Amino acid sequence: WVREDCRAGGWGSKLIRAAEAEAVRRG
C-alpha cells in the first residue's frame, strides 16, 4: 500500500524492488 498523495512518486516500485532484493538475499 502507498498513501494516495504519494502514489505518483514511484514508492510502490521502490517497495517491490526492495522486497525482491530481500527475497533474493534470503535464497
PDB file of all heavy atoms in Angstrom:
ATOM      1  N   TRP A   1       0.854  -1.190   0.000  1.00  0.00           N
ATOM      2  CA  TRP A   1       0.000   0.000   0.000  1.00  0.00           C
ATOM      3  C   TRP A   1       0.882   1.230   0.000  1.00  0.00           C
ATOM      4  O   TRP A   1       1.937   1.260   0.654  1.00  0.00           O
ATOM      5  CB  TRP A   1      -0.897   0.012   1.238  1.00  0.00           C
ATOM      6  CG  TRP A   1      -1.695   1.262   1.400  1.00  0.00           C
ATOM      7  CD1 TRP A   1      -2.871   1.571   0.804  1.00  0.00           C
ATOM      8  CD2 TRP A   1      -1.359   2.383   2.220  1.00  0.00           C
ATOM      9  NE1 TRP A   1      -3.295   2.804   1.196  1.00  0.00           N
ATOM     10  CE2 TRP A   1      -2.389   3.336   2.075  1.00  0.00           C
ATOM     11  CE3 TRP A   1      -0.287   2.683   3.062  1.00  0.00           C
ATOM     12  CZ2 TRP A   1      -2.373   4.565   2.738  1.00  0.00           C
ATOM     13  CZ3 TRP A   1      -0.273   3.900   3.718  1.00  0.00           C
ATOM     14  CH2 TRP A   1      -1.313   4.816   3.557  1.00  0.00           C
ATOM     15  N   VAL A   2       0.451   2.260  -0.750  1.00  0.00           N
ATOM     16  CA  VAL A   2       1.115   3.562  -0.761  1.00  0.00           C
ATOM     17  C   VAL A   2       0.049   4.630  -0.552  1.00  0.00           C
ATOM     18  O   VAL A   2      -1.020   4.584  -1.179  1.00  0.00           O
ATOM     19  CB  VAL A   2       1.869   3.807  -2.095  1.00  0.00           C
ATOM     20  CG1 VAL A   2       2.464   5.205  -2.134  1.00  0.00           C
ATOM     21  CG2 VAL A   2       2.954   2.751  -2.293  1.00  0.00           C
ATOM     22  N   ARG A   3       0.356   5.567   0.325  1.00  0.00           N
ATOM     23  CA  ARG A   3      -0.570   6.671   0.617  1.00  0.00           C
ATOM     24  C   ARG A   3      -0.940   7.393  -0.672  1.00  0.00           C
ATOM     25  O   ARG A   3      -0.097   7.610  -1.544  1.00  0.00           O
ATOM     26  CB  ARG A   3       0.119   7.623   1.608  1.00  0.00           C
ATOM     27  CG  ARG A   3      -0.803   8.549   2.338  1.00  0.00           C
ATOM     28  CD  ARG A   3      -0.078   9.292   3.439  1.00  0.00           C
ATOM     29  NE  ARG A   3       0.833  10.279   2.875  1.00  0.00           N
ATOM     30  CZ  ARG A   3       1.905  10.748   3.513  1.00  0.00           C
ATOM     31  NH1 ARG A   3       2.229  10.316   4.709  1.00  0.00           N
ATOM     32  NH2 ARG A   3       2.661  11.649   2.940  1.00  0.00           N
ATOM     33  N   GLU A   4      -2.198   7.750  -0.801  1.00  0.00           N
ATOM     34  CA  GLU A   4      -2.716   8.299  -2.056  1.00  0.00           C
ATOM     35  C   GLU A   4      -1.925   9.501  -2.565  1.00  0.00           C
ATOM     36  O   GLU A   4      -1.623   9.600  -3.752  1.00  0.00           O
ATOM     37  CB  GLU A   4      -4.195   8.667  -1.905  1.00  0.00           C
ATOM     38  CG  GLU A   4      -4.832   9.020  -3.221  1.00  0.00           C
ATOM     39  CD  GLU A   4      -6.336   9.148  -3.132  1.00  0.00           C
ATOM     40  OE1 GLU A   4      -6.922   8.824  -2.085  1.00  0.00           O
ATOM     41  OE2 GLU A   4      -6.917   9.581  -4.131  1.00  0.00           O
ATOM     42  N   ASP A   5      -1.539  10.410  -1.694  1.00  0.00           N
ATOM     43  CA  ASP A   5      -0.831  11.613  -2.143  1.00  0.00           C
ATOM     44  C   ASP A   5       0.629  11.332  -2.523  1.00  0.00           C
ATOM     45  O   ASP A   5       1.323  12.219  -3.001  1.00  0.00           O
ATOM     46  CB  ASP A   5      -0.894  12.721  -1.088  1.00  0.00           C
ATOM     47  CG  ASP A   5      -0.190  12.357   0.209  1.00  0.00           C
ATOM     48  OD1 ASP A   5      -0.221  11.172   0.601  1.00  0.00           O
ATOM     49  OD2 ASP A   5       0.380  13.269   0.844  1.00  0.00           O
ATOM     50  N   CYS A   6       1.085  10.102  -2.366  1.00  0.00           N
ATOM     51  CA  CYS A   6       2.466   9.738  -2.698  1.00  0.00           C
ATOM     52  C   CYS A   6       2.548   8.725  -3.823  1.00  0.00           C
ATOM     53  O   CYS A   6       3.637   8.284  -4.194  1.00  0.00           O
ATOM     54  CB  CYS A   6       3.158   9.168  -1.454  1.00  0.00           C
ATOM     55  SG  CYS A   6       3.261  10.330  -0.085  1.00  0.00           S
ATOM     56  N   ARG A   7       1.415   8.356  -4.412  1.00  0.00           N
ATOM     57  CA  ARG A   7       1.393   7.257  -5.383  1.00  0.00           C
ATOM     58  C   ARG A   7       2.119   7.588  -6.685  1.00  0.00           C
ATOM     59  O   ARG A   7       2.544   6.683  -7.385  1.00  0.00           O
ATOM     60  CB  ARG A   7      -0.041   6.820  -5.663  1.00  0.00           C
ATOM     61  CG  ARG A   7      -0.610   6.111  -4.460  1.00  0.00           C
ATOM     62  CD  ARG A   7      -1.940   5.502  -4.669  1.00  0.00           C
ATOM     63  NE  ARG A   7      -2.369   4.912  -3.401  1.00  0.00           N
ATOM     64  CZ  ARG A   7      -3.605   4.756  -3.036  1.00  0.00           C
ATOM     65  NH1 ARG A   7      -4.583   5.118  -3.852  1.00  0.00           N
ATOM     66  NH2 ARG A   7      -3.893   4.228  -1.871  1.00  0.00           N
ATOM     67  N   ALA A   8       2.274   8.836  -7.031  1.00  0.00           N
ATOM     68  CA  ALA A   8       2.973   9.181  -8.279  1.00  0.00           C
ATOM     69  C   ALA A   8       4.482   9.288  -8.070  1.00  0.00           C
ATOM     70  O   ALA A   8       5.212   9.548  -9.008  1.00  0.00           O
ATOM     71  CB  ALA A   8       2.424  10.489  -8.839  1.00  0.00           C
ATOM     72  N   GLY A   9       4.945   9.044  -6.852  1.00  0.00           N
ATOM     73  CA  GLY A   9       6.367   9.213  -6.543  1.00  0.00           C
ATOM     74  C   GLY A   9       7.229   7.988  -6.759  1.00  0.00           C
ATOM     75  O   GLY A   9       8.417   8.012  -6.430  1.00  0.00           O
ATOM     76  N   GLY A  10       6.663   6.909  -7.275  1.00  0.00           N
ATOM     77  CA  GLY A  10       7.456   5.710  -7.521  1.00  0.00           C
ATOM     78  C   GLY A  10       7.697   4.866  -6.287  1.00  0.00           C
ATOM     79  O   GLY A  10       8.515   3.938  -6.321  1.00  0.00           O
ATOM     80  N   TRP A  11       6.993   5.150  -5.205  1.00  0.00           N
ATOM     81  CA  TRP A  11       7.231   4.410  -3.960  1.00  0.00           C
ATOM     82  C   TRP A  11       6.800   2.956  -4.046  1.00  0.00           C
ATOM     83  O   TRP A  11       7.431   2.076  -3.458  1.00  0.00           O
ATOM     84  CB  TRP A  11       6.577   5.111  -2.781  1.00  0.00           C
ATOM     85  CG  TRP A  11       7.266   6.396  -2.471  1.00  0.00           C
ATOM     86  CD1 TRP A  11       6.778   7.666  -2.651  1.00  0.00           C
ATOM     87  CD2 TRP A  11       8.599   6.549  -1.986  1.00  0.00           C
ATOM     88  NE1 TRP A  11       7.728   8.587  -2.302  1.00  0.00           N
ATOM     89  CE2 TRP A  11       8.855   7.928  -1.893  1.00  0.00           C
ATOM     90  CE3 TRP A  11       9.607   5.652  -1.639  1.00  0.00           C
ATOM     91  CZ2 TRP A  11      10.066   8.429  -1.440  1.00  0.00           C
ATOM     92  CZ3 TRP A  11      10.822   6.151  -1.189  1.00  0.00           C
ATOM     93  CH2 TRP A  11      11.041   7.526  -1.094  1.00  0.00           C
ATOM     94  N   GLY A  12       5.750   2.667  -4.780  1.00  0.00           N
ATOM     95  CA  GLY A  12       5.340   1.271  -4.954  1.00  0.00           C
ATOM     96  C   GLY A  12       6.441   0.465  -5.620  1.00  0.00           C
ATOM     97  O   GLY A  12       6.759  -0.652  -5.197  1.00  0.00           O
ATOM     98  N   SER A  13       7.055   1.039  -6.651  1.00  0.00           N
ATOM     99  CA  SER A  13       8.162   0.373  -7.348  1.00  0.00           C
ATOM    100  C   SER A  13       9.355   0.177  -6.422  1.00  0.00           C
ATOM    101  O   SER A  13       9.994  -0.879  -6.425  1.00  0.00           O
ATOM    102  CB  SER A  13       8.584   1.183  -8.568  1.00  0.00           C
ATOM    103  OG  SER A  13       7.535   1.229  -9.512  1.00  0.00           O
ATOM    104  N   LYS A  14       9.656   1.197  -5.621  1.00  0.00           N
ATOM    105  CA  LYS A  14      10.786   1.081  -4.692  1.00  0.00           C
ATOM    106  C   LYS A  14      10.517   0.014  -3.641  1.00  0.00           C
ATOM    107  O   LYS A  14      11.415  -0.759  -3.274  1.00  0.00           O
ATOM    108  CB  LYS A  14      11.059   2.431  -4.044  1.00  0.00           C
ATOM    109  CG  LYS A  14      11.584   3.455  -5.029  1.00  0.00           C
ATOM    110  CD  LYS A  14      11.682   4.834  -4.427  1.00  0.00           C
ATOM    111  CE  LYS A  14      12.068   5.836  -5.504  1.00  0.00           C
ATOM    112  NZ  LYS A  14      11.946   7.215  -5.074  1.00  0.00           N
ATOM    113  N   LEU A  15       9.288  -0.063  -3.157  1.00  0.00           N
ATOM    114  CA  LEU A  15       8.939  -1.082  -2.170  1.00  0.00           C
ATOM    115  C   LEU A  15       9.070  -2.486  -2.751  1.00  0.00           C
ATOM    116  O   LEU A  15       9.644  -3.382  -2.121  1.00  0.00           O
ATOM    117  CB  LEU A  15       7.502  -0.863  -1.670  1.00  0.00           C
ATOM    118  CG  LEU A  15       7.278   0.345  -0.774  1.00  0.00           C
ATOM    119  CD1 LEU A  15       5.790   0.642  -0.638  1.00  0.00           C
ATOM    120  CD2 LEU A  15       7.907   0.120   0.599  1.00  0.00           C
ATOM    121  N   ILE A  16       8.544  -2.686  -3.951  1.00  0.00           N
ATOM    122  CA  ILE A  16       8.594  -4.023  -4.533  1.00  0.00           C
ATOM    123  C   ILE A  16      10.022  -4.426  -4.880  1.00  0.00           C
ATOM    124  O   ILE A  16      10.421  -5.580  -4.657  1.00  0.00           O
ATOM    125  CB  ILE A  16       7.629  -4.144  -5.744  1.00  0.00           C
ATOM    126  CG1 ILE A  16       7.306  -5.609  -5.991  1.00  0.00           C
ATOM    127  CG2 ILE A  16       8.163  -3.504  -6.983  1.00  0.00           C
ATOM    128  CD1 ILE A  16       6.131  -5.826  -6.903  1.00  0.00           C
ATOM    129  N   ARG A  17      10.819  -3.503  -5.367  1.00  0.00           N
ATOM    130  CA  ARG A  17      12.220  -3.825  -5.676  1.00  0.00           C
ATOM    131  C   ARG A  17      12.992  -4.171  -4.398  1.00  0.00           C
ATOM    132  O   ARG A  17      13.810  -5.098  -4.387  1.00  0.00           O
ATOM    133  CB  ARG A  17      12.886  -2.685  -6.428  1.00  0.00           C
ATOM    134  CG  ARG A  17      12.472  -2.623  -7.897  1.00  0.00           C
ATOM    135  CD  ARG A  17      13.360  -1.720  -8.724  1.00  0.00           C
ATOM    136  NE  ARG A  17      13.359  -0.335  -8.286  1.00  0.00           N
ATOM    137  CZ  ARG A  17      12.546   0.621  -8.770  1.00  0.00           C
ATOM    138  NH1 ARG A  17      11.688   0.327  -9.727  1.00  0.00           N
ATOM    139  NH2 ARG A  17      12.608   1.847  -8.311  1.00  0.00           N
ATOM    140  N   ALA A  18      12.726  -3.447  -3.319  1.00  0.00           N
ATOM    141  CA  ALA A  18      13.394  -3.736  -2.045  1.00  0.00           C
ATOM    142  C   ALA A  18      12.987  -5.114  -1.519  1.00  0.00           C
ATOM    143  O   ALA A  18      13.831  -5.874  -1.021  1.00  0.00           O
ATOM    144  CB  ALA A  18      13.064  -2.654  -1.021  1.00  0.00           C
ATOM    145  N   ALA A  19      11.709  -5.449  -1.641  1.00  0.00           N
ATOM    146  CA  ALA A  19      11.237  -6.762  -1.192  1.00  0.00           C
ATOM    147  C   ALA A  19      11.852  -7.872  -2.043  1.00  0.00           C
ATOM    148  O   ALA A  19      12.257  -8.921  -1.511  1.00  0.00           O
ATOM    149  CB  ALA A  19       9.719  -6.825  -1.239  1.00  0.00           C
ATOM    150  N   GLU A  20      11.933  -7.668  -3.346  1.00  0.00           N
ATOM    151  CA  GLU A  20      12.532  -8.673  -4.219  1.00  0.00           C
ATOM    152  C   GLU A  20      14.010  -8.864  -3.881  1.00  0.00           C
ATOM    153  O   GLU A  20      14.498  -9.997  -3.842  1.00  0.00           O
ATOM    154  CB  GLU A  20      12.371  -8.268  -5.685  1.00  0.00           C
ATOM    155  CG  GLU A  20      10.940  -8.364  -6.174  1.00  0.00           C
ATOM    156  CD  GLU A  20      10.722  -7.760  -7.549  1.00  0.00           C
ATOM    157  OE1 GLU A  20      11.659  -7.143  -8.121  1.00  0.00           O
ATOM    158  OE2 GLU A  20       9.600  -7.916  -8.063  1.00  0.00           O
ATOM    159  N   ALA A  21      14.719  -7.778  -3.616  1.00  0.00           N
ATOM    160  CA  ALA A  21      16.137  -7.882  -3.250  1.00  0.00           C
ATOM    161  C   ALA A  21      16.298  -8.646  -1.939  1.00  0.00           C
ATOM    162  O   ALA A  21      17.208  -9.484  -1.807  1.00  0.00           O
ATOM    163  CB  ALA A  21      16.760  -6.485  -3.143  1.00  0.00           C
ATOM    164  N   GLU A  22      15.432  -8.394  -0.980  1.00  0.00           N
ATOM    165  CA  GLU A  22      15.487  -9.113   0.290  1.00  0.00           C
ATOM    166  C   GLU A  22      15.152 -10.590   0.086  1.00  0.00           C
ATOM    167  O   GLU A  22      15.763 -11.468   0.698  1.00  0.00           O
ATOM    168  CB  GLU A  22      14.540  -8.486   1.305  1.00  0.00           C
ATOM    169  CG  GLU A  22      14.491  -9.184   2.642  1.00  0.00           C
ATOM    170  CD  GLU A  22      15.816  -9.213   3.401  1.00  0.00           C
ATOM    171  OE1 GLU A  22      16.764  -8.475   3.050  1.00  0.00           O
ATOM    172  OE2 GLU A  22      15.912  -9.994   4.372  1.00  0.00           O
ATOM    173  N   ALA A  23      14.194 -10.880  -0.795  1.00  0.00           N
ATOM    174  CA  ALA A  23      13.841 -12.265  -1.082  1.00  0.00           C
ATOM    175  C   ALA A  23      15.038 -13.006  -1.696  1.00  0.00           C
ATOM    176  O   ALA A  23      15.337 -14.139  -1.311  1.00  0.00           O
ATOM    177  CB  ALA A  23      12.632 -12.323  -2.017  1.00  0.00           C
ATOM    178  N   VAL A  24      15.719 -12.376  -2.618  1.00  0.00           N
ATOM    179  CA  VAL A  24      16.906 -12.982  -3.226  1.00  0.00           C
ATOM    180  C   VAL A  24      17.972 -13.197  -2.154  1.00  0.00           C
ATOM    181  O   VAL A  24      18.604 -14.261  -2.082  1.00  0.00           O
ATOM    182  CB  VAL A  24      17.450 -12.122  -4.389  1.00  0.00           C
ATOM    183  CG1 VAL A  24      18.830 -12.584  -4.827  1.00  0.00           C
ATOM    184  CG2 VAL A  24      16.477 -12.142  -5.564  1.00  0.00           C
ATOM    185  N   ARG A  25      18.172 -12.212  -1.286  1.00  0.00           N
ATOM    186  CA  ARG A  25      19.151 -12.336  -0.206  1.00  0.00           C
ATOM    187  C   ARG A  25      18.837 -13.547   0.673  1.00  0.00           C
ATOM    188  O   ARG A  25      19.727 -14.224   1.160  1.00  0.00           O
ATOM    189  CB  ARG A  25      19.155 -11.064   0.645  1.00  0.00           C
ATOM    190  CG  ARG A  25      20.289 -11.020   1.674  1.00  0.00           C
ATOM    191  CD  ARG A  25      20.155  -9.860   2.630  1.00  0.00           C
ATOM    192  NE  ARG A  25      19.099 -10.040   3.604  1.00  0.00           N
ATOM    193  CZ  ARG A  25      19.133 -10.867   4.659  1.00  0.00           C
ATOM    194  NH1 ARG A  25      20.182 -11.614   4.865  1.00  0.00           N
ATOM    195  NH2 ARG A  25      18.117 -10.943   5.497  1.00  0.00           N
ATOM    196  N   ARG A  26      17.543 -13.851   0.828  1.00  0.00           N
ATOM    197  CA  ARG A  26      17.127 -14.995   1.652  1.00  0.00           C
ATOM    198  C   ARG A  26      17.059 -16.306   0.866  1.00  0.00           C
ATOM    199  O   ARG A  26      16.611 -17.314   1.378  1.00  0.00           O
ATOM    200  CB  ARG A  26      15.768 -14.711   2.280  1.00  0.00           C
ATOM    201  CG  ARG A  26      15.804 -13.574   3.284  1.00  0.00           C
ATOM    202  CD  ARG A  26      14.488 -13.460   3.982  1.00  0.00           C
ATOM    203  NE  ARG A  26      14.417 -12.282   4.815  1.00  0.00           N
ATOM    204  CZ  ARG A  26      13.549 -12.132   5.797  1.00  0.00           C
ATOM    205  NH1 ARG A  26      12.676 -13.103   6.062  1.00  0.00           N
ATOM    206  NH2 ARG A  26      13.523 -11.033   6.521  1.00  0.00           N
ATOM    207  N   GLY A  27      17.510 -16.281  -0.389  1.00  0.00           N
ATOM    208  CA  GLY A  27      17.577 -17.508  -1.177  1.00  0.00           C
ATOM    209  C   GLY A  27      16.357 -17.808  -2.026  1.00  0.00           C
ATOM    210  O   GLY A  27      16.241 -18.905  -2.583  1.00  0.00           O
TER     211      GLY A  27
END
